[in-house]
Amino acid sequence: MPTMPNPSDTLSILPILKKIPLLSELNEDDHKEIIKHIEMQYFPAHQVVFKEGDPGDAVYIIKRGVVRIYHPGANPVEDQEVAMLGDNDVFGEMAIISEKPRNASAQTMEESEVFVLKKEDFIQLVSSNPNMASRISSEFLKRFKINLQGKPE
């Protein structure tokens, strides 16, 4: 069940937002505006957060827990692990400004508390703040070019 972060969560998430490449160029006021739209969600162990091919509808920041990012195989033994993420790690961030579907699946490996920023909230924030839009679009272009270079031809 989603809940609003409590004030101590807000303090703990501010330094994390500054580390997210897509949001790192924003100022503290922009970060605080984003925090107002973040919800806390609780996931049990082994819960699929999203599947490869799903629409990208949110960015996730792990407050506490472990999340596995992977490409699903025909069965769990054939899954290809991409990353194992823990406290303060971020995943799904490119999906909030890209129209592309998820390029991997995400599953909790233990009970996890995760901050979630929904794409529609993010778009509303960016469209009402030209400074935020400009900074995010330049960072997105940099990340997009890096991702393209890392893909096999």
C-alpha atoms as a PDB file:
ATOM      1  CA  MET A   1       0.000   0.000   0.000  1.00  0.00           C
ATOM      2  CA  PRO A   2       1.559   3.340  -1.032  1.00  0.00           C
ATOM      3  CA  THR A   3       2.129   5.938   1.663  1.00  0.00           C
ATOM      4  CA  MET A   4       3.723   9.367   1.730  1.00  0.00           C
ATOM      5  CA  PRO A   5       7.293   9.396   3.068  1.00  0.00           C
ATOM      6  CA  ASN A   6       7.633  10.665   6.628  1.00  0.00           C
ATOM      7  CA  PRO A   7       9.903  13.667   7.339  1.00  0.00           C
ATOM      8  CA  SER A   8      12.936  11.516   8.192  1.00  0.00           C
ATOM      9  CA  ASP A   9      12.492   9.663   4.890  1.00  0.00           C
ATOM     10  CA  THR A  10      12.471  13.033   3.129  1.00  0.00           C
ATOM     11  CA  LEU A  11      15.817  13.913   4.695  1.00  0.00           C
ATOM     12  CA  SER A  12      17.257  10.534   3.753  1.00  0.00           C
ATOM     13  CA  ILE A  13      16.065  10.682   0.147  1.00  0.00           C
ATOM     14  CA  LEU A  14      17.462  14.154  -0.648  1.00  0.00           C
ATOM     15  CA  PRO A  15      21.131  13.002  -0.933  1.00  0.00           C
ATOM     16  CA  ILE A  16      19.990  10.004  -3.020  1.00  0.00           C
ATOM     17  CA  LEU A  17      18.192  12.238  -5.544  1.00  0.00           C
ATOM     18  CA  LYS A  18      21.418  14.211  -5.959  1.00  0.00           C
ATOM     19  CA  LYS A  19      23.205  10.985  -6.976  1.00  0.00           C
ATOM     20  CA  ILE A  20      20.679   9.976  -9.662  1.00  0.00           C
ATOM     21  CA  PRO A  21      22.373  10.996 -12.925  1.00  0.00           C
ATOM     22  CA  LEU A  22      19.068  12.102 -14.442  1.00  0.00           C
ATOM     23  CA  LEU A  23      18.303  14.378 -11.461  1.00  0.00           C
ATOM     24  CA  SER A  24      21.790  15.318 -10.262  1.00  0.00           C
ATOM     25  CA  GLU A  25      21.874  18.701 -12.013  1.00  0.00           C
ATOM     26  CA  LEU A  26      18.724  19.899 -10.246  1.00  0.00           C
ATOM     27  CA  ASN A  27      18.920  22.304  -7.321  1.00  0.00           C
ATOM     28  CA  GLU A  28      17.691  21.538  -3.813  1.00  0.00           C
ATOM     29  CA  ASP A  29      14.330  23.277  -4.372  1.00  0.00           C
ATOM     30  CA  ASP A  30      13.717  21.076  -7.430  1.00  0.00           C
ATOM     31  CA  HIS A  31      14.628  17.982  -5.411  1.00  0.00           C
ATOM     32  CA  LYS A  32      12.261  19.011  -2.605  1.00  0.00           C
ATOM     33  CA  GLU A  33       9.477  19.480  -5.161  1.00  0.00           C
ATOM     34  CA  ILE A  34      10.107  15.966  -6.479  1.00  0.00           C
ATOM     35  CA  ILE A  35      10.053  14.541  -2.943  1.00  0.00           C
ATOM     36  CA  LYS A  36       6.500  15.880  -2.465  1.00  0.00           C
ATOM     37  CA  HIS A  37       5.376  13.487  -5.211  1.00  0.00           C
ATOM     38  CA  ILE A  38       7.232  10.385  -4.048  1.00  0.00           C
ATOM     39  CA  GLU A  39       5.339   7.530  -2.384  1.00  0.00           C
ATOM     40  CA  MET A  40       6.716   4.767  -0.187  1.00  0.00           C
ATOM     41  CA  GLN A  41       5.755   1.228  -1.218  1.00  0.00           C
ATOM     42  CA  TYR A  42       6.385  -2.003   0.639  1.00  0.00           C
ATOM     43  CA  PHE A  43       7.149  -5.168  -1.324  1.00  0.00           C
ATOM     44  CA  PRO A  44       7.345  -8.694   0.128  1.00  0.00           C
ATOM     45  CA  ALA A  45      10.292 -10.942  -0.740  1.00  0.00           C
ATOM     46  CA  HIS A  46      10.268 -12.358  -4.285  1.00  0.00           C
ATOM     47  CA  GLN A  47       7.696  -9.838  -5.550  1.00  0.00           C
ATOM     48  CA  VAL A  48       8.033  -8.864  -9.220  1.00  0.00           C
ATOM     49  CA  VAL A  49       8.123  -5.044  -9.334  1.00  0.00           C
ATOM     50  CA  PHE A  50       7.879  -4.937 -13.131  1.00  0.00           C
ATOM     51  CA  LYS A  51       8.541  -7.228 -16.090  1.00  0.00           C
ATOM     52  CA  GLU A  52      10.681  -6.715 -19.154  1.00  0.00           C
ATOM     53  CA  GLY A  53       8.433  -5.206 -21.833  1.00  0.00           C
ATOM     54  CA  ASP A  54       6.093  -3.474 -19.348  1.00  0.00           C
ATOM     55  CA  PRO A  55       5.500   0.238 -19.903  1.00  0.00           C
ATOM     56  CA  GLY A  56       7.931   2.422 -17.958  1.00  0.00           C
ATOM     57  CA  ASP A  57       5.594   4.174 -15.531  1.00  0.00           C
ATOM     58  CA  ALA A  58       7.823   5.002 -12.531  1.00  0.00           C
ATOM     59  CA  VAL A  59      11.316   5.325 -11.121  1.00  0.00           C
ATOM     60  CA  TYR A  60      12.221   3.378  -7.965  1.00  0.00           C
ATOM     61  CA  ILE A  61      14.654   4.217  -5.147  1.00  0.00           C
ATOM     62  CA  ILE A  62      15.395   1.450  -2.646  1.00  0.00           C
ATOM     63  CA  LYS A  63      15.235   2.694   0.938  1.00  0.00           C
ATOM     64  CA  ARG A  64      15.791  -0.777   2.403  1.00  0.00           C
ATOM     65  CA  GLY A  65      16.000  -4.153   0.715  1.00  0.00           C
ATOM     66  CA  VAL A  66      17.479  -5.994  -2.256  1.00  0.00           C
ATOM     67  CA  VAL A  67      16.151  -5.922  -5.821  1.00  0.00           C
ATOM     68  CA  ARG A  68      17.372  -8.145  -8.636  1.00  0.00           C
ATOM     69  CA  ILE A  69      17.387  -6.751 -12.186  1.00  0.00           C
ATOM     70  CA  TYR A  70      17.373  -9.508 -14.819  1.00  0.00           C
ATOM     71  CA  HIS A  71      16.364 -10.666 -18.281  1.00  0.00           C
ATOM     72  CA  PRO A  72      13.871 -13.527 -17.882  1.00  0.00           C
ATOM     73  CA  GLY A  73      14.736 -16.857 -19.480  1.00  0.00           C
ATOM     74  CA  ALA A  74      12.384 -19.673 -20.444  1.00  0.00           C
ATOM     75  CA  ASN A  75      12.512 -20.661 -16.748  1.00  0.00           C
ATOM     76  CA  PRO A  76      14.118 -19.117 -13.628  1.00  0.00           C
ATOM     77  CA  VAL A  77      17.321 -21.163 -14.089  1.00  0.00           C
ATOM     78  CA  GLU A  78      17.849 -19.474 -17.481  1.00  0.00           C
ATOM     79  CA  ASP A  79      17.331 -15.911 -16.186  1.00  0.00           C
ATOM     80  CA  GLN A  80      20.236 -13.599 -17.044  1.00  0.00           C
ATOM     81  CA  GLU A  81      21.101 -11.436 -14.048  1.00  0.00           C
ATOM     82  CA  VAL A  82      21.916  -7.805 -14.846  1.00  0.00           C
ATOM     83  CA  ALA A  83      22.383  -6.344 -11.357  1.00  0.00           C
ATOM     84  CA  MET A  84      21.682  -6.858  -7.670  1.00  0.00           C
ATOM     85  CA  LEU A  85      20.685  -3.549  -6.073  1.00  0.00           C
ATOM     86  CA  GLY A  86      20.472  -2.553  -2.431  1.00  0.00           C
ATOM     87  CA  ASP A  87      19.793   0.370  -0.117  1.00  0.00           C
ATOM     88  CA  ASN A  88      19.841   3.787  -1.856  1.00  0.00           C
ATOM     89  CA  ASP A  89      20.125   2.277  -5.343  1.00  0.00           C
ATOM     90  CA  VAL A  90      17.873   3.523  -8.141  1.00  0.00           C
ATOM     91  CA  PHE A  91      16.265   1.602 -10.981  1.00  0.00           C
ATOM     92  CA  GLY A  92      13.833   2.356 -13.779  1.00  0.00           C
ATOM     93  CA  GLU A  93      14.954   5.975 -14.137  1.00  0.00           C
ATOM     94  CA  MET A  94      15.283   6.022 -17.931  1.00  0.00           C
ATOM     95  CA  ALA A  95      11.688   4.876 -18.322  1.00  0.00           C
ATOM     96  CA  ILE A  96      10.238   8.048 -16.824  1.00  0.00           C
ATOM     97  CA  ILE A  97      11.356  10.144 -19.791  1.00  0.00           C
ATOM     98  CA  SER A  98      11.593   7.502 -22.472  1.00  0.00           C
ATOM     99  CA  GLU A  99       8.613   6.025 -24.277  1.00  0.00           C
ATOM    100  CA  LYS A 100      10.368   2.668 -24.505  1.00  0.00           C
ATOM    101  CA  PRO A 101       9.151  -0.373 -22.543  1.00  0.00           C
ATOM    102  CA  ARG A 102      11.190  -1.789 -19.649  1.00  0.00           C
ATOM    103  CA  ASN A 103      14.365  -3.440 -20.936  1.00  0.00           C
ATOM    104  CA  ALA A 104      14.663  -5.810 -17.945  1.00  0.00           C
ATOM    105  CA  SER A 105      12.593  -7.238 -15.099  1.00  0.00           C
ATOM    106  CA  ALA A 106      12.896  -6.295 -11.411  1.00  0.00           C
ATOM    107  CA  GLN A 107      12.129  -8.534  -8.435  1.00  0.00           C
ATOM    108  CA  THR A 108      12.632  -8.071  -4.711  1.00  0.00           C
ATOM    109  CA  MET A 109      14.887 -10.673  -3.100  1.00  0.00           C
ATOM    110  CA  GLU A 110      13.822  -9.767   0.448  1.00  0.00           C
ATOM    111  CA  GLU A 111      11.199  -7.525   2.041  1.00  0.00           C
ATOM    112  CA  SER A 112      11.855  -4.075   0.633  1.00  0.00           C
ATOM    113  CA  GLU A 113      10.803  -0.473   1.207  1.00  0.00           C
ATOM    114  CA  VAL A 114      10.956   1.478  -2.026  1.00  0.00           C
ATOM    115  CA  PHE A 115      10.329   5.130  -2.878  1.00  0.00           C
ATOM    116  CA  VAL A 116       8.317   5.434  -6.098  1.00  0.00           C
ATOM    117  CA  LEU A 117       7.985   8.470  -8.344  1.00  0.00           C
ATOM    118  CA  LYS A 118       5.274   7.912 -10.942  1.00  0.00           C
ATOM    119  CA  LYS A 119       5.893   9.021 -14.504  1.00  0.00           C
ATOM    120  CA  GLU A 120       2.786  11.248 -14.654  1.00  0.00           C
ATOM    121  CA  ASP A 121       3.889  13.123 -11.491  1.00  0.00           C
ATOM    122  CA  PHE A 122       7.376  13.518 -12.920  1.00  0.00           C
ATOM    123  CA  ILE A 123       6.031  14.844 -16.253  1.00  0.00           C
ATOM    124  CA  GLN A 124       3.742  17.287 -14.439  1.00  0.00           C
ATOM    125  CA  LEU A 125       6.708  18.579 -12.393  1.00  0.00           C
ATOM    126  CA  VAL A 126       8.897  18.987 -15.464  1.00  0.00           C
ATOM    127  CA  SER A 127       6.207  20.692 -17.532  1.00  0.00           C
ATOM    128  CA  SER A 128       5.537  23.231 -14.791  1.00  0.00           C
ATOM    129  CA  ASN A 129       9.239  23.967 -14.242  1.00  0.00           C
ATOM    130  CA  PRO A 130      11.247  25.010 -17.342  1.00  0.00           C
ATOM    131  CA  ASN A 131      14.535  25.000 -15.387  1.00  0.00           C
ATOM    132  CA  MET A 132      13.959  21.392 -14.314  1.00  0.00           C
ATOM    133  CA  ALA A 133      12.940  20.415 -17.869  1.00  0.00           C
ATOM    134  CA  SER A 134      16.093  21.907 -19.380  1.00  0.00           C
ATOM    135  CA  ARG A 135      18.465  20.255 -16.905  1.00  0.00           C
ATOM    136  CA  ILE A 136      16.784  16.865 -17.167  1.00  0.00           C
ATOM    137  CA  SER A 137      16.642  16.876 -20.976  1.00  0.00           C
ATOM    138  CA  SER A 138      20.386  17.573 -21.304  1.00  0.00           C
ATOM    139  CA  GLU A 139      21.203  14.804 -18.808  1.00  0.00           C
ATOM    140  CA  PHE A 140      18.827  12.419 -20.606  1.00  0.00           C
ATOM    141  CA  LEU A 141      20.599  13.048 -23.923  1.00  0.00           C
ATOM    142  CA  LYS A 142      23.969  12.256 -22.313  1.00  0.00           C
ATOM    143  CA  ARG A 143      22.624   9.036 -20.754  1.00  0.00           C
ATOM    144  CA  PHE A 144      20.863   8.044 -23.971  1.00  0.00           C
ATOM    145  CA  LYS A 145      24.111   8.377 -25.961  1.00  0.00           C
ATOM    146  CA  ILE A 146      25.990   6.312 -23.366  1.00  0.00           C
ATOM    147  CA  ASN A 147      23.300   3.606 -23.456  1.00  0.00           C
ATOM    148  CA  LEU A 148      23.412   3.502 -27.260  1.00  0.00           C
ATOM    149  CA  GLN A 149      27.184   3.044 -27.219  1.00  0.00           C
ATOM    150  CA  GLY A 150      26.867   0.152 -24.771  1.00  0.00           C
ATOM    151  CA  LYS A 151      24.400  -1.789 -26.939  1.00  0.00           C
ATOM    152  CA  PRO A 152      25.679  -4.435 -29.331  1.00  0.00           C
ATOM    153  CA  GLU A 153      25.128  -3.631 -33.028  1.00  0.00           C
END
